[in-house]
Amino acid sequence: FAARVRDFAEFVEPLLPEAQVDLGPLTYHAPCHLAHAQGVCKPPRALLKKLCPGYRDLAEHDRCCGSAGMYWMAYPEISEHALARKLANIRASGAGVVVTANPGCHLQLMAGRTKGDAWTVKYISEVVDAALDV
């Protein structure tokens, strides 16, 4: 069964018609479960590159944001350090949208935003939906 399970990006990319959506500069944060446990790093980024002309790579895209399920609760100091590093990379990227595929990462990144941050977080499925609506 596990061998047949695919991530959303792996599944949907070959099914998509030619579509693009301009969400401005955006980047991708790879969730740990996807990048490290499942070994899926390229398909989500390839999908975003195909759909979004403003895509830019995020430094250390596959480095943990500090959420890691309940890790943030069990080890808050380590989690805060991981989040600070991730936020610095996001800010350096100049992206207005950070795309991810995990609710824990989404919440962690949103929680780390400050009033000075002009970026937001979207799920990869939201980006696909926006591209199909154009």
Protein backbone atom coordinates (compact mmCIF):
# COMPACT_ATOMS: atom_id res chain seq x y z
CA PHE A 1 0.00 0.00 0.00
CA ALA A 2 2.70 2.51 1.00
CA ALA A 3 4.43 2.14 -2.36
CA ARG A 4 1.27 3.36 -4.11
CA VAL A 5 0.80 6.46 -1.94
CA ARG A 6 1.79 9.71 -3.64
CA ASP A 7 2.09 13.27 -2.48
CA PHE A 8 -0.38 15.80 -3.87
CA ALA A 9 2.28 17.44 -6.07
CA GLU A 10 3.38 14.11 -7.53
CA PHE A 11 -0.20 13.13 -8.26
CA VAL A 12 -1.57 16.37 -9.68
CA GLU A 13 1.33 17.66 -11.80
CA PRO A 14 0.89 15.26 -14.74
CA LEU A 15 -2.87 15.89 -14.72
CA LEU A 16 -2.69 19.68 -14.90
CA PRO A 17 -3.42 21.49 -18.13
CA GLU A 18 -1.00 24.21 -19.15
CA ALA A 19 -1.79 26.87 -16.57
CA GLN A 20 0.05 29.64 -14.79
CA VAL A 21 -0.78 32.07 -12.04
CA ASP A 22 1.22 35.15 -11.15
CA LEU A 23 1.27 35.41 -7.37
CA GLY A 24 4.39 37.54 -7.46
CA PRO A 25 7.60 36.25 -5.96
CA LEU A 26 6.99 33.02 -4.10
CA THR A 27 9.06 30.24 -2.62
CA TYR A 28 8.64 26.76 -1.18
CA HIS A 29 9.30 25.36 2.29
CA ALA A 30 9.56 21.55 2.19
CA PRO A 31 7.91 19.92 5.21
CA CYS A 32 10.11 17.41 7.04
CA HIS A 33 7.63 14.56 6.63
CA LEU A 34 7.67 15.03 2.89
CA ALA A 35 11.34 15.84 2.26
CA HIS A 36 13.00 13.54 4.77
CA ALA A 37 10.54 10.76 5.60
CA GLN A 38 9.10 10.35 2.09
CA GLY A 39 12.06 11.69 0.07
CA VAL A 40 9.82 14.01 -1.96
CA CYS A 41 11.62 17.30 -2.67
CA LYS A 42 11.65 17.83 -6.41
CA PRO A 43 7.98 17.36 -7.41
CA PRO A 44 6.51 20.24 -5.35
CA ARG A 45 9.21 22.63 -6.52
CA ALA A 46 8.85 21.50 -10.14
CA LEU A 47 5.09 22.02 -9.91
CA LEU A 48 5.53 25.53 -8.53
CA LYS A 49 8.13 26.39 -11.17
CA LYS A 50 5.68 25.25 -13.85
CA LEU A 51 2.72 27.19 -12.43
CA CYS A 52 4.32 30.34 -11.04
CA PRO A 53 6.62 32.59 -13.07
CA GLY A 54 7.69 34.31 -9.84
CA TYR A 55 9.02 31.13 -8.22
CA ARG A 56 12.38 31.41 -6.51
CA ASP A 57 14.32 28.80 -4.56
CA LEU A 58 14.47 29.14 -0.79
CA ALA A 59 17.85 28.66 0.86
CA GLU A 60 17.70 25.52 3.01
CA HIS A 61 14.20 24.81 1.68
CA ASP A 62 14.23 21.36 3.27
CA ARG A 63 15.50 22.45 6.68
CA CYS A 64 12.97 22.12 9.51
CA CYS A 65 10.92 25.17 10.47
CA GLY A 66 10.75 23.95 14.06
CA SER A 67 7.19 22.65 14.08
CA ALA A 68 7.91 18.95 13.52
CA GLY A 69 4.56 17.78 14.80
CA MET A 70 4.69 18.45 18.52
CA TYR A 71 8.43 19.15 18.60
CA TRP A 72 7.78 22.85 19.11
CA MET A 73 5.97 21.97 22.33
CA ALA A 74 8.47 19.45 23.66
CA TYR A 75 11.61 21.42 22.77
CA PRO A 76 10.60 25.09 22.45
CA GLU A 77 14.13 26.53 22.54
CA ILE A 78 15.37 24.31 19.71
CA SER A 79 12.14 24.93 17.82
CA GLU A 80 12.53 28.70 18.14
CA HIS A 81 16.09 28.50 16.84
CA ALA A 82 14.97 26.45 13.81
CA LEU A 83 12.12 28.88 13.14
CA ALA A 84 14.40 31.93 13.38
CA ARG A 85 16.74 30.41 10.79
CA LYS A 86 13.83 29.57 8.48
CA LEU A 87 12.36 33.07 8.84
CA ALA A 88 15.72 34.65 8.00
CA ASN A 89 15.87 32.59 4.80
CA ILE A 90 12.29 33.53 3.89
CA ARG A 91 12.98 37.22 4.43
CA ALA A 92 16.20 37.00 2.39
CA SER A 93 14.32 35.36 -0.49
CA GLY A 94 12.12 38.41 -1.02
CA ALA A 95 9.10 36.18 -1.54
CA GLY A 96 5.61 37.48 -0.87
CA VAL A 97 4.21 33.97 -0.61
CA VAL A 98 5.69 30.92 1.09
CA VAL A 99 4.16 27.67 -0.09
CA THR A 100 4.15 24.51 1.99
CA ALA A 101 2.24 21.25 2.21
CA ASN A 102 1.88 20.67 5.93
CA PRO A 103 -0.53 22.26 8.43
CA GLY A 104 2.06 22.25 11.23
CA CYS A 105 4.55 24.10 9.05
CA HIS A 106 1.84 26.50 7.91
CA LEU A 107 0.95 27.37 11.52
CA GLN A 108 4.59 27.61 12.59
CA LEU A 109 5.51 29.97 9.76
CA MET A 110 2.45 32.14 10.30
CA ALA A 111 3.19 32.29 14.03
CA GLY A 112 6.71 33.49 13.25
CA ARG A 113 5.59 36.39 11.09
CA THR A 114 6.08 39.88 12.49
CA LYS A 115 4.31 43.13 11.65
CA GLY A 116 7.19 43.95 9.32
CA ASP A 117 6.72 40.80 7.25
CA ALA A 118 4.80 41.30 4.03
CA TRP A 119 4.66 37.60 3.11
CA THR A 120 1.96 35.06 3.75
CA VAL A 121 1.77 31.25 3.69
CA LYS A 122 -0.30 29.16 1.28
CA TYR A 123 -0.77 25.44 0.78
CA ILE A 124 0.41 24.07 -2.53
CA SER A 125 -3.17 23.01 -3.27
CA GLU A 126 -4.25 26.68 -2.97
CA VAL A 127 -1.70 27.64 -5.61
CA VAL A 128 -2.92 24.89 -7.93
CA ASP A 129 -6.50 26.05 -7.39
CA ALA A 130 -5.54 29.65 -8.19
CA ALA A 131 -3.79 28.54 -11.39
CA LEU A 132 -6.85 26.60 -12.51
CA ASP A 133 -9.11 29.60 -11.83
CA VAL A 134 -7.18 31.89 -14.18
